[in-house]
Amino acid sequence: MQRQPEVIEYGKQGVELAGKLMKALPINLGLEEEFLQNAFGGDEIGACLRLNFYPKCPHPDITLGLSSHSDPGGITFLLPDHDVPGLQVRKDHKWIIVNPARHAFIVNIGDQIQ
């Protein structure tokens, strides 16, 4: 099954959403609207679309996930599978499971913006 046009359009929509967030975030921080966009290269901002599928593990009690890490980029959109939990965030030195809202992205602000 070939889905190239749909994937290309999905990527374009993701870049558009990221562009809107890159303007909204600095405004809410009291900065100029173009601050983040300029910091990331102006009109030449790069983007990467990565589609990963992680099926539910039949033996989660004996499976190791990814090691703890931070996201080095600017903004990451995650579209979670509500049947396969697993994303955790670290807050106050504790790991907390992220319970995503249905039909919503999780927006992760990466190291470069933090």
PDB file of N, CA and C in Angstrom:
ATOM      1  N   MET A   1       0.848  -1.170   0.000  1.00  0.00           N
ATOM      2  CA  MET A   1       0.000   0.000   0.000  1.00  0.00           C
ATOM      3  C   MET A   1       0.899   1.240   0.000  1.00  0.00           C
ATOM      4  N   GLN A   2       0.769   2.044  -1.022  1.00  0.00           N
ATOM      5  CA  GLN A   2       1.604   3.243  -1.131  1.00  0.00           C
ATOM      6  C   GLN A   2       0.856   4.441  -0.568  1.00  0.00           C
ATOM      7  N   ARG A   3       1.489   5.129   0.372  1.00  0.00           N
ATOM      8  CA  ARG A   3       0.884   6.282   1.040  1.00  0.00           C
ATOM      9  C   ARG A   3       1.737   7.525   0.922  1.00  0.00           C
ATOM     10  N   GLN A   4       2.585   7.600  -0.067  1.00  0.00           N
ATOM     11  CA  GLN A   4       3.510   8.722  -0.169  1.00  0.00           C
ATOM     12  C   GLN A   4       2.811  10.082  -0.178  1.00  0.00           C
ATOM     13  N   PRO A   5       1.753  10.314  -0.972  1.00  0.00           N
ATOM     14  CA  PRO A   5       1.119  11.643  -0.939  1.00  0.00           C
ATOM     15  C   PRO A   5       0.565  12.004   0.438  1.00  0.00           C
ATOM     16  N   GLU A   6      -0.002  11.035   1.132  1.00  0.00           N
ATOM     17  CA  GLU A   6      -0.542  11.302   2.461  1.00  0.00           C
ATOM     18  C   GLU A   6       0.562  11.625   3.459  1.00  0.00           C
ATOM     19  N   VAL A   7       1.668  10.917   3.368  1.00  0.00           N
ATOM     20  CA  VAL A   7       2.789  11.157   4.283  1.00  0.00           C
ATOM     21  C   VAL A   7       3.401  12.534   4.015  1.00  0.00           C
ATOM     22  N   ILE A   8       3.525  12.901   2.750  1.00  0.00           N
ATOM     23  CA  ILE A   8       4.056  14.220   2.413  1.00  0.00           C
ATOM     24  C   ILE A   8       3.146  15.310   2.957  1.00  0.00           C
ATOM     25  N   GLU A   9       1.841  15.160   2.785  1.00  0.00           N
ATOM     26  CA  GLU A   9       0.893  16.153   3.295  1.00  0.00           C
ATOM     27  C   GLU A   9       0.924  16.201   4.819  1.00  0.00           C
ATOM     28  N   TYR A  10       1.016  15.057   5.468  1.00  0.00           N
ATOM     29  CA  TYR A  10       1.101  14.982   6.925  1.00  0.00           C
ATOM     30  C   TYR A  10       2.335  15.749   7.412  1.00  0.00           C
ATOM     31  N   GLY A  11       3.457  15.553   6.718  1.00  0.00           N
ATOM     32  CA  GLY A  11       4.683  16.268   7.073  1.00  0.00           C
ATOM     33  C   GLY A  11       4.535  17.771   6.898  1.00  0.00           C
ATOM     34  N   LYS A  12       3.897  18.198   5.822  1.00  0.00           N
ATOM     35  CA  LYS A  12       3.681  19.632   5.594  1.00  0.00           C
ATOM     36  C   LYS A  12       2.819  20.235   6.700  1.00  0.00           C
ATOM     37  N   GLN A  13       1.783  19.523   7.089  1.00  0.00           N
ATOM     38  CA  GLN A  13       0.906  20.007   8.155  1.00  0.00           C
ATOM     39  C   GLN A  13       1.657  20.082   9.489  1.00  0.00           C
ATOM     40  N   GLY A  14       2.542  19.120   9.734  1.00  0.00           N
ATOM     41  CA  GLY A  14       3.357  19.159  10.948  1.00  0.00           C
ATOM     42  C   GLY A  14       4.283  20.353  10.980  1.00  0.00           C
ATOM     43  N   VAL A  15       4.897  20.669   9.842  1.00  0.00           N
ATOM     44  CA  VAL A  15       5.781  21.836   9.752  1.00  0.00           C
ATOM     45  C   VAL A  15       4.973  23.115   9.975  1.00  0.00           C
ATOM     46  N   GLU A  16       3.770  23.166   9.416  1.00  0.00           N
ATOM     47  CA  GLU A  16       2.917  24.349   9.609  1.00  0.00           C
ATOM     48  C   GLU A  16       2.552  24.523  11.084  1.00  0.00           C
ATOM     49  N   LEU A  17       2.193  23.423  11.736  1.00  0.00           N
ATOM     50  CA  LEU A  17       1.871  23.479  13.168  1.00  0.00           C
ATOM     51  C   LEU A  17       3.084  23.929  13.981  1.00  0.00           C
ATOM     52  N   ALA A  18       4.237  23.383  13.666  1.00  0.00           N
ATOM     53  CA  ALA A  18       5.460  23.778  14.375  1.00  0.00           C
ATOM     54  C   ALA A  18       5.740  25.262  14.184  1.00  0.00           C
ATOM     55  N   GLY A  19       5.513  25.763  12.979  1.00  0.00           N
ATOM     56  CA  GLY A  19       5.717  27.184  12.709  1.00  0.00           C
ATOM     57  C   GLY A  19       4.817  28.056  13.565  1.00  0.00           C
ATOM     58  N   LYS A  20       3.570  27.631  13.730  1.00  0.00           N
ATOM     59  CA  LYS A  20       2.640  28.403  14.571  1.00  0.00           C
ATOM     60  C   LYS A  20       3.088  28.388  16.028  1.00  0.00           C
ATOM     61  N   LEU A  21       3.539  27.231  16.496  1.00  0.00           N
ATOM     62  CA  LEU A  21       4.019  27.154  17.879  1.00  0.00           C
ATOM     63  C   LEU A  21       5.300  27.967  18.076  1.00  0.00           C
ATOM     64  N   MET A  22       6.158  27.968  17.050  1.00  0.00           N
ATOM     65  CA  MET A  22       7.411  28.725  17.148  1.00  0.00           C
ATOM     66  C   MET A  22       7.151  30.225  17.219  1.00  0.00           C
ATOM     67  N   LYS A  23       5.959  30.662  16.819  1.00  0.00           N
ATOM     68  CA  LYS A  23       5.592  32.071  16.953  1.00  0.00           C
ATOM     69  C   LYS A  23       4.853  32.322  18.262  1.00  0.00           C
ATOM     70  N   ALA A  24       4.034  31.366  18.686  1.00  0.00           N
ATOM     71  CA  ALA A  24       3.245  31.550  19.905  1.00  0.00           C
ATOM     72  C   ALA A  24       4.098  31.456  21.169  1.00  0.00           C
ATOM     73  N   LEU A  25       5.042  30.546  21.197  1.00  0.00           N
ATOM     74  CA  LEU A  25       5.864  30.362  22.404  1.00  0.00           C
ATOM     75  C   LEU A  25       6.616  31.628  22.811  1.00  0.00           C
ATOM     76  N   PRO A  26       7.356  32.268  21.905  1.00  0.00           N
ATOM     77  CA  PRO A  26       8.090  33.463  22.337  1.00  0.00           C
ATOM     78  C   PRO A  26       7.172  34.608  22.775  1.00  0.00           C
ATOM     79  N   ILE A  27       6.024  34.744  22.113  1.00  0.00           N
ATOM     80  CA  ILE A  27       5.085  35.797  22.524  1.00  0.00           C
ATOM     81  C   ILE A  27       4.676  35.585  23.970  1.00  0.00           C
ATOM     82  N   ASN A  28       4.387  34.329  24.331  1.00  0.00           N
ATOM     83  CA  ASN A  28       3.970  34.026  25.703  1.00  0.00           C
ATOM     84  C   ASN A  28       5.107  34.139  26.708  1.00  0.00           C
ATOM     85  N   LEU A  29       6.328  34.200  26.206  1.00  0.00           N
ATOM     86  CA  LEU A  29       7.491  34.407  27.081  1.00  0.00           C
ATOM     87  C   LEU A  29       7.935  35.869  27.104  1.00  0.00           C
ATOM     88  N   GLY A  30       7.156  36.726  26.442  1.00  0.00           N
ATOM     89  CA  GLY A  30       7.482  38.148  26.417  1.00  0.00           C
ATOM     90  C   GLY A  30       8.564  38.510  25.424  1.00  0.00           C
ATOM     91  N   LEU A  31       8.786  37.646  24.441  1.00  0.00           N
ATOM     92  CA  LEU A  31       9.810  37.895  23.428  1.00  0.00           C
ATOM     93  C   LEU A  31       9.147  38.277  22.106  1.00  0.00           C
ATOM     94  N   GLU A  32       9.953  38.684  21.144  1.00  0.00           N
ATOM     95  CA  GLU A  32       9.438  38.989  19.811  1.00  0.00           C
ATOM     96  C   GLU A  32       8.931  37.713  19.148  1.00  0.00           C
ATOM     97  N   GLU A  33       7.885  37.845  18.346  1.00  0.00           N
ATOM     98  CA  GLU A  33       7.255  36.694  17.690  1.00  0.00           C
ATOM     99  C   GLU A  33       8.242  35.857  16.885  1.00  0.00           C
ATOM    100  N   GLU A  34       9.193  36.483  16.211  1.00  0.00           N
ATOM    101  CA  GLU A  34      10.129  35.776  15.333  1.00  0.00           C
ATOM    102  C   GLU A  34      11.375  35.262  16.064  1.00  0.00           C
ATOM    103  N   PHE A  35      11.436  35.412  17.384  1.00  0.00           N
ATOM    104  CA  PHE A  35      12.639  35.065  18.139  1.00  0.00           C
ATOM    105  C   PHE A  35      13.093  33.628  17.885  1.00  0.00           C
ATOM    106  N   LEU A  36      12.211  32.650  18.079  1.00  0.00           N
ATOM    107  CA  LEU A  36      12.609  31.242  17.910  1.00  0.00           C
ATOM    108  C   LEU A  36      12.901  30.913  16.451  1.00  0.00           C
ATOM    109  N   GLN A  37      12.074  31.399  15.563  1.00  0.00           N
ATOM    110  CA  GLN A  37      12.306  31.115  14.149  1.00  0.00           C
ATOM    111  C   GLN A  37      13.680  31.640  13.731  1.00  0.00           C
ATOM    112  N   ASN A  38      14.020  32.838  14.146  1.00  0.00           N
ATOM    113  CA  ASN A  38      15.335  33.382  13.815  1.00  0.00           C
ATOM    114  C   ASN A  38      16.450  32.572  14.464  1.00  0.00           C
ATOM    115  N   ALA A  39      16.236  32.120  15.691  1.00  0.00           N
ATOM    116  CA  ALA A  39      17.243  31.330  16.391  1.00  0.00           C
ATOM    117  C   ALA A  39      17.480  29.982  15.704  1.00  0.00           C
ATOM    118  N   PHE A  40      16.472  29.483  15.004  1.00  0.00           N
ATOM    119  CA  PHE A  40      16.585  28.199  14.318  1.00  0.00           C
ATOM    120  C   PHE A  40      16.903  28.339  12.836  1.00  0.00           C
ATOM    121  N   GLY A  41      17.257  29.516  12.372  1.00  0.00           N
ATOM    122  CA  GLY A  41      17.704  29.668  10.993  1.00  0.00           C
ATOM    123  C   GLY A  41      16.814  30.491  10.096  1.00  0.00           C
ATOM    124  N   GLY A  42      15.839  31.186  10.661  1.00  0.00           N
ATOM    125  CA  GLY A  42      14.969  32.032   9.839  1.00  0.00           C
ATOM    126  C   GLY A  42      14.058  31.215   8.950  1.00  0.00           C
ATOM    127  N   ASP A  43      14.024  31.557   7.672  1.00  0.00           N
ATOM    128  CA  ASP A  43      13.147  30.860   6.734  1.00  0.00           C
ATOM    129  C   ASP A  43      13.682  29.491   6.321  1.00  0.00           C
ATOM    130  N   GLU A  44      14.887  29.170   6.713  1.00  0.00           N
ATOM    131  CA  GLU A  44      15.522  27.910   6.313  1.00  0.00           C
ATOM    132  C   GLU A  44      15.451  26.846   7.409  1.00  0.00           C
ATOM    133  N   ILE A  45      14.389  26.868   8.211  1.00  0.00           N
ATOM    134  CA  ILE A  45      14.253  25.884   9.286  1.00  0.00           C
ATOM    135  C   ILE A  45      14.110  24.492   8.687  1.00  0.00           C
ATOM    136  N   GLY A  46      14.814  23.542   9.241  1.00  0.00           N
ATOM    137  CA  GLY A  46      14.713  22.160   8.795  1.00  0.00           C
ATOM    138  C   GLY A  46      13.707  21.394   9.640  1.00  0.00           C
ATOM    139  N   ALA A  47      13.182  20.335   9.067  1.00  0.00           N
ATOM    140  CA  ALA A  47      12.233  19.490   9.785  1.00  0.00           C
ATOM    141  C   ALA A  47      12.487  18.047   9.398  1.00  0.00           C
ATOM    142  N   CYS A  48      12.153  17.157  10.284  1.00  0.00           N
ATOM    143  CA  CYS A  48      12.317  15.732  10.047  1.00  0.00           C
ATOM    144  C   CYS A  48      11.019  15.032  10.434  1.00  0.00           C
ATOM    145  N   LEU A  49      10.517  14.206   9.555  1.00  0.00           N
ATOM    146  CA  LEU A  49       9.326  13.411   9.858  1.00  0.00           C
ATOM    147  C   LEU A  49       9.767  11.977  10.070  1.00  0.00           C
ATOM    148  N   ARG A  50       9.501  11.473  11.233  1.00  0.00           N
ATOM    149  CA  ARG A  50       9.844  10.087  11.560  1.00  0.00           C
ATOM    150  C   ARG A  50       8.562   9.390  12.002  1.00  0.00           C
ATOM    151  N   LEU A  51       8.235   8.313  11.354  1.00  0.00           N
ATOM    152  CA  LEU A  51       7.043   7.541  11.709  1.00  0.00           C
ATOM    153  C   LEU A  51       7.495   6.220  12.308  1.00  0.00           C
ATOM    154  N   ASN A  52       7.207   6.034  13.569  1.00  0.00           N
ATOM    155  CA  ASN A  52       7.565   4.795  14.252  1.00  0.00           C
ATOM    156  C   ASN A  52       6.300   4.090  14.703  1.00  0.00           C
ATOM    157  N   PHE A  53       6.316   2.790  14.628  1.00  0.00           N
ATOM    158  CA  PHE A  53       5.201   1.990  15.109  1.00  0.00           C
ATOM    159  C   PHE A  53       5.760   0.988  16.105  1.00  0.00           C
ATOM    160  N   TYR A  54       5.268   1.075  17.323  1.00  0.00           N
ATOM    161  CA  TYR A  54       5.700   0.157  18.368  1.00  0.00           C
ATOM    162  C   TYR A  54       4.496  -0.680  18.788  1.00  0.00           C
ATOM    163  N   PRO A  55       4.395  -1.901  18.304  1.00  0.00           N
ATOM    164  CA  PRO A  55       3.245  -2.727  18.687  1.00  0.00           C
ATOM    165  C   PRO A  55       3.303  -3.081  20.166  1.00  0.00           C
ATOM    166  N   LYS A  56       2.145  -3.402  20.710  1.00  0.00           N
ATOM    167  CA  LYS A  56       2.070  -3.783  22.115  1.00  0.00           C
ATOM    168  C   LYS A  56       2.929  -5.021  22.347  1.00  0.00           C
ATOM    169  N   CYS A  57       3.717  -4.974  23.391  1.00  0.00           N
ATOM    170  CA  CYS A  57       4.630  -6.067  23.704  1.00  0.00           C
ATOM    171  C   CYS A  57       3.876  -7.183  24.424  1.00  0.00           C
ATOM    172  N   PRO A  58       4.035  -8.422  23.984  1.00  0.00           N
ATOM    173  CA  PRO A  58       3.335  -9.529  24.645  1.00  0.00           C
ATOM    174  C   PRO A  58       3.908  -9.861  26.030  1.00  0.00           C
ATOM    175  N   HIS A  59       5.127  -9.413  26.327  1.00  0.00           N
ATOM    176  CA  HIS A  59       5.766  -9.701  27.619  1.00  0.00           C
ATOM    177  C   HIS A  59       6.409  -8.433  28.187  1.00  0.00           C
ATOM    178  N   PRO A  60       5.609  -7.422  28.556  1.00  0.00           N
ATOM    179  CA  PRO A  60       6.201  -6.161  29.022  1.00  0.00           C
ATOM    180  C   PRO A  60       7.008  -6.305  30.310  1.00  0.00           C
ATOM    181  N   ASP A  61       6.727  -7.331  31.085  1.00  0.00           N
ATOM    182  CA  ASP A  61       7.449  -7.526  32.348  1.00  0.00           C
ATOM    183  C   ASP A  61       8.907  -7.916  32.138  1.00  0.00           C
ATOM    184  N   ILE A  62       9.254  -8.397  30.947  1.00  0.00           N
ATOM    185  CA  ILE A  62      10.642  -8.806  30.696  1.00  0.00           C
ATOM    186  C   ILE A  62      11.278  -7.982  29.569  1.00  0.00           C
ATOM    187  N   THR A  63      10.659  -6.850  29.228  1.00  0.00           N
ATOM    188  CA  THR A  63      11.136  -6.027  28.122  1.00  0.00           C
ATOM    189  C   THR A  63      11.712  -4.717  28.650  1.00  0.00           C
ATOM    190  N   LEU A  64      12.834  -4.339  28.087  1.00  0.00           N
ATOM    191  CA  LEU A  64      13.438  -3.049  28.415  1.00  0.00           C
ATOM    192  C   LEU A  64      13.035  -2.042  27.352  1.00  0.00           C
ATOM    193  N   GLY A  65      12.661  -0.847  27.766  1.00  0.00           N
ATOM    194  CA  GLY A  65      12.340   0.220  26.816  1.00  0.00           C
ATOM    195  C   GLY A  65      13.578   1.024  26.512  1.00  0.00           C
ATOM    196  N   LEU A  66      13.389   2.201  25.985  1.00  0.00           N
ATOM    197  CA  LEU A  66      14.514   3.093  25.728  1.00  0.00           C
ATOM    198  C   LEU A  66      15.084   3.592  27.046  1.00  0.00           C
ATOM    199  N   SER A  67      16.361   3.855  27.049  1.00  0.00           N
ATOM    200  CA  SER A  67      16.946   4.441  28.246  1.00  0.00           C
ATOM    201  C   SER A  67      16.468   5.889  28.361  1.00  0.00           C
ATOM    202  N   SER A  68      16.546   6.427  29.555  1.00  0.00           N
ATOM    203  CA  SER A  68      16.105   7.807  29.747  1.00  0.00           C
ATOM    204  C   SER A  68      16.951   8.720  28.873  1.00  0.00           C
ATOM    205  N   HIS A  69      16.306   9.727  28.304  1.00  0.00           N
ATOM    206  CA  HIS A  69      16.996  10.645  27.405  1.00  0.00           C
ATOM    207  C   HIS A  69      16.191  11.932  27.302  1.00  0.00           C
ATOM    208  N   SER A  70      16.816  12.936  26.775  1.00  0.00           N
ATOM    209  CA  SER A  70      16.113  14.169  26.444  1.00  0.00           C
ATOM    210  C   SER A  70      16.085  14.271  24.921  1.00  0.00           C
ATOM    211  N   ASP A  71      15.181  15.067  24.409  1.00  0.00           N
ATOM    212  CA  ASP A  71      15.108  15.275  22.966  1.00  0.00           C
ATOM    213  C   ASP A  71      15.960  16.482  22.607  1.00  0.00           C
ATOM    214  N   PRO A  72      16.966  16.300  21.754  1.00  0.00           N
ATOM    215  CA  PRO A  72      17.901  17.382  21.475  1.00  0.00           C
ATOM    216  C   PRO A  72      17.351  18.475  20.574  1.00  0.00           C
ATOM    217  N   GLY A  73      16.270  18.224  19.861  1.00  0.00           N
ATOM    218  CA  GLY A  73      15.760  19.185  18.892  1.00  0.00           C
ATOM    219  C   GLY A  73      15.005  20.340  19.511  1.00  0.00           C
ATOM    220  N   GLY A  74      14.169  20.969  18.697  1.00  0.00           N
ATOM    221  CA  GLY A  74      13.376  22.113  19.146  1.00  0.00           C
ATOM    222  C   GLY A  74      12.007  21.686  19.635  1.00  0.00           C
ATOM    223  N   ILE A  75      11.198  21.161  18.721  1.00  0.00           N
ATOM    224  CA  ILE A  75       9.845  20.727  19.063  1.00  0.00           C
ATOM    225  C   ILE A  75       9.635  19.332  18.487  1.00  0.00           C
ATOM    226  N   THR A  76       9.066  18.459  19.281  1.00  0.00           N
ATOM    227  CA  THR A  76       8.716  17.116  18.832  1.00  0.00           C
ATOM    228  C   THR A  76       7.231  16.903  19.040  1.00  0.00           C
ATOM    229  N   PHE A  77       6.552  16.424  17.991  1.00  0.00           N
ATOM    230  CA  PHE A  77       5.146  16.055  18.099  1.00  0.00           C
ATOM    231  C   PHE A  77       5.056  14.542  18.190  1.00  0.00           C
ATOM    232  N   LEU A  78       4.349  14.076  19.181  1.00  0.00           N
ATOM    233  CA  LEU A  78       4.115  12.651  19.329  1.00  0.00           C
ATOM    234  C   LEU A  78       2.617  12.395  19.195  1.00  0.00           C
ATOM    235  N   LEU A  79       2.256  11.482  18.331  1.00  0.00           N
ATOM    236  CA  LEU A  79       0.865  11.058  18.221  1.00  0.00           C
ATOM    237  C   LEU A  79       0.806   9.675  18.858  1.00  0.00           C
ATOM    238  N   PRO A  80       0.387   9.616  20.121  1.00  0.00           N
ATOM    239  CA  PRO A  80       0.468   8.354  20.855  1.00  0.00           C
ATOM    240  C   PRO A  80      -0.610   7.366  20.442  1.00  0.00           C
ATOM    241  N   ASP A  81      -0.302   6.114  20.674  1.00  0.00           N
ATOM    242  CA  ASP A  81      -1.271   5.032  20.523  1.00  0.00           C
ATOM    243  C   ASP A  81      -1.876   4.820  21.907  1.00  0.00           C
ATOM    244  N   HIS A  82      -3.156   5.035  22.021  1.00  0.00           N
ATOM    245  CA  HIS A  82      -3.795   4.967  23.334  1.00  0.00           C
ATOM    246  C   HIS A  82      -3.863   3.550  23.899  1.00  0.00           C
ATOM    247  N   ASP A  83      -3.592   2.565  23.049  1.00  0.00           N
ATOM    248  CA  ASP A  83      -3.595   1.184  23.507  1.00  0.00           C
ATOM    249  C   ASP A  83      -2.218   0.721  23.959  1.00  0.00           C
ATOM    250  N   VAL A  84      -1.202   1.557  23.730  1.00  0.00           N
ATOM    251  CA  VAL A  84       0.166   1.172  24.093  1.00  0.00           C
ATOM    252  C   VAL A  84       0.797   2.309  24.884  1.00  0.00           C
ATOM    253  N   PRO A  85       0.559   2.357  26.199  1.00  0.00           N
ATOM    254  CA  PRO A  85       1.171   3.416  27.003  1.00  0.00           C
ATOM    255  C   PRO A  85       2.668   3.170  27.147  1.00  0.00           C
ATOM    256  N   GLY A  86       3.368   4.157  27.594  1.00  0.00           N
ATOM    257  CA  GLY A  86       4.785   3.945  27.817  1.00  0.00           C
ATOM    258  C   GLY A  86       5.588   5.218  27.943  1.00  0.00           C
ATOM    259  N   LEU A  87       5.103   6.320  27.361  1.00  0.00           N
ATOM    260  CA  LEU A  87       5.857   7.556  27.461  1.00  0.00           C
ATOM    261  C   LEU A  87       5.855   8.048  28.898  1.00  0.00           C
ATOM    262  N   GLN A  88       7.031   8.402  29.375  1.00  0.00           N
ATOM    263  CA  GLN A  88       7.175   8.942  30.722  1.00  0.00           C
ATOM    264  C   GLN A  88       7.961  10.246  30.660  1.00  0.00           C
ATOM    265  N   VAL A  89       7.669  11.116  31.618  1.00  0.00           N
ATOM    266  CA  VAL A  89       8.440  12.346  31.776  1.00  0.00           C
ATOM    267  C   VAL A  89       8.975  12.383  33.196  1.00  0.00           C
ATOM    268  N   ARG A  90      10.076  13.075  33.347  1.00  0.00           N
ATOM    269  CA  ARG A  90      10.691  13.167  34.672  1.00  0.00           C
ATOM    270  C   ARG A  90      10.330  14.509  35.285  1.00  0.00           C
ATOM    271  N   LYS A  91       9.752  14.464  36.484  1.00  0.00           N
ATOM    272  CA  LYS A  91       9.376  15.672  37.205  1.00  0.00           C
ATOM    273  C   LYS A  91       9.674  15.454  38.685  1.00  0.00           C
ATOM    274  N   ASP A  92      10.358  16.403  39.293  1.00  0.00           N
ATOM    275  CA  ASP A  92      10.715  16.316  40.712  1.00  0.00           C
ATOM    276  C   ASP A  92      11.415  15.000  41.032  1.00  0.00           C
ATOM    277  N   HIS A  93      12.321  14.590  40.148  1.00  0.00           N
ATOM    278  CA  HIS A  93      13.133  13.380  40.327  1.00  0.00           C
ATOM    279  C   HIS A  93      12.308  12.093  40.309  1.00  0.00           C
ATOM    280  N   LYS A  94      11.113  12.131  39.727  1.00  0.00           N
ATOM    281  CA  LYS A  94      10.264  10.941  39.618  1.00  0.00           C
ATOM    282  C   LYS A  94       9.807  10.788  38.178  1.00  0.00           C
ATOM    283  N   TRP A  95       9.653   9.541  37.730  1.00  0.00           N
ATOM    284  CA  TRP A  95       9.131   9.265  36.395  1.00  0.00           C
ATOM    285  C   TRP A  95       7.620   9.166  36.476  1.00  0.00           C
ATOM    286  N   ILE A  96       6.955   9.910  35.605  1.00  0.00           N
ATOM    287  CA  ILE A  96       5.492   9.963  35.581  1.00  0.00           C
ATOM    288  C   ILE A  96       5.023   9.503  34.206  1.00  0.00           C
ATOM    289  N   ILE A  97       4.056   8.588  34.162  1.00  0.00           N
ATOM    290  CA  ILE A  97       3.492   8.125  32.890  1.00  0.00           C
ATOM    291  C   ILE A  97       2.604   9.213  32.313  1.00  0.00           C
ATOM    292  N   VAL A  98       2.768   9.470  31.020  1.00  0.00           N
ATOM    293  CA  VAL A  98       1.947  10.457  30.322  1.00  0.00           C
ATOM    294  C   VAL A  98       0.669   9.765  29.856  1.00  0.00           C
ATOM    295  N   ASN A  99      -0.464  10.282  30.295  1.00  0.00           N
ATOM    296  CA  ASN A  99      -1.758   9.776  29.853  1.00  0.00           C
ATOM    297  C   ASN A  99      -2.297  10.743  28.806  1.00  0.00           C
ATOM    298  N   PRO A 100      -2.105  10.431  27.528  1.00  0.00           N
ATOM    299  CA  PRO A 100      -2.470  11.392  26.483  1.00  0.00           C
ATOM    300  C   PRO A 100      -3.977  11.526  26.309  1.00  0.00           C
ATOM    301  N   ALA A 101      -4.388  12.701  25.872  1.00  0.00           N
ATOM    302  CA  ALA A 101      -5.786  12.944  25.527  1.00  0.00           C
ATOM    303  C   ALA A 101      -6.062  12.317  24.167  1.00  0.00           C
ATOM    304  N   ARG A 102      -7.260  11.812  23.986  1.00  0.00           N
ATOM    305  CA  ARG A 102      -7.630  11.201  22.697  1.00  0.00           C
ATOM    306  C   ARG A 102      -7.560  12.237  21.578  1.00  0.00           C
ATOM    307  N   HIS A 103      -7.086  11.804  20.433  1.00  0.00           N
ATOM    308  CA  HIS A 103      -7.018  12.625  19.220  1.00  0.00           C
ATOM    309  C   HIS A 103      -6.178  13.886  19.422  1.00  0.00           C
ATOM    310  N   ALA A 104      -5.152  13.799  20.242  1.00  0.00           N
ATOM    311  CA  ALA A 104      -4.306  14.961  20.511  1.00  0.00           C
ATOM    312  C   ALA A 104      -2.835  14.569  20.406  1.00  0.00           C
ATOM    313  N   PHE A 105      -2.035  15.510  19.970  1.00  0.00           N
ATOM    314  CA  PHE A 105      -0.594  15.326  19.960  1.00  0.00           C
ATOM    315  C   PHE A 105      -0.037  15.637  21.340  1.00  0.00           C
ATOM    316  N   ILE A 106       1.066  15.032  21.641  1.00  0.00           N
ATOM    317  CA  ILE A 106       1.881  15.447  22.775  1.00  0.00           C
ATOM    318  C   ILE A 106       2.975  16.322  22.166  1.00  0.00           C
ATOM    319  N   VAL A 107       3.136  17.523  22.694  1.00  0.00           N
ATOM    320  CA  VAL A 107       4.150  18.439  22.180  1.00  0.00           C
ATOM    321  C   VAL A 107       5.278  18.489  23.194  1.00  0.00           C
ATOM    322  N   ASN A 108       6.446  18.065  22.758  1.00  0.00           N
ATOM    323  CA  ASN A 108       7.618  18.040  23.617  1.00  0.00           C
ATOM    324  C   ASN A 108       8.544  19.188  23.214  1.00  0.00           C
ATOM    325  N   ILE A 109       8.834  20.047  24.162  1.00  0.00           N
ATOM    326  CA  ILE A 109       9.789  21.120  23.926  1.00  0.00           C
ATOM    327  C   ILE A 109      11.177  20.544  24.181  1.00  0.00           C
ATOM    328  N   GLY A 110      12.008  20.543  23.154  1.00  0.00           N
ATOM    329  CA  GLY A 110      13.322  19.909  23.234  1.00  0.00           C
ATOM    330  C   GLY A 110      14.384  20.776  23.876  1.00  0.00           C
ATOM    331  N   ASP A 111      15.556  20.198  23.959  1.00  0.00           N
ATOM    332  CA  ASP A 111      16.698  20.846  24.623  1.00  0.00           C
ATOM    333  C   ASP A 111      17.045  22.206  24.020  1.00  0.00           C
ATOM    334  N   GLN A 112      16.949  22.340  22.702  1.00  0.00           N
ATOM    335  CA  GLN A 112      17.377  23.594  22.061  1.00  0.00           C
ATOM    336  C   GLN A 112      16.502  24.779  22.464  1.00  0.00           C
ATOM    337  N   ILE A 113      15.237  24.522  22.764  1.00  0.00           N
ATOM    338  CA  ILE A 113      14.360  25.620  23.196  1.00  0.00           C
ATOM    339  C   ILE A 113      14.465  25.816  24.701  1.00  0.00           C
ATOM    340  N   GLN A 114      14.586  24.724  25.431  1.00  0.00           N
ATOM    341  CA  GLN A 114      14.697  24.866  26.881  1.00  0.00           C
ATOM    342  C   GLN A 114      15.941  25.647  27.227  1.00  0.00           C
TER     343      GLN A 114
END
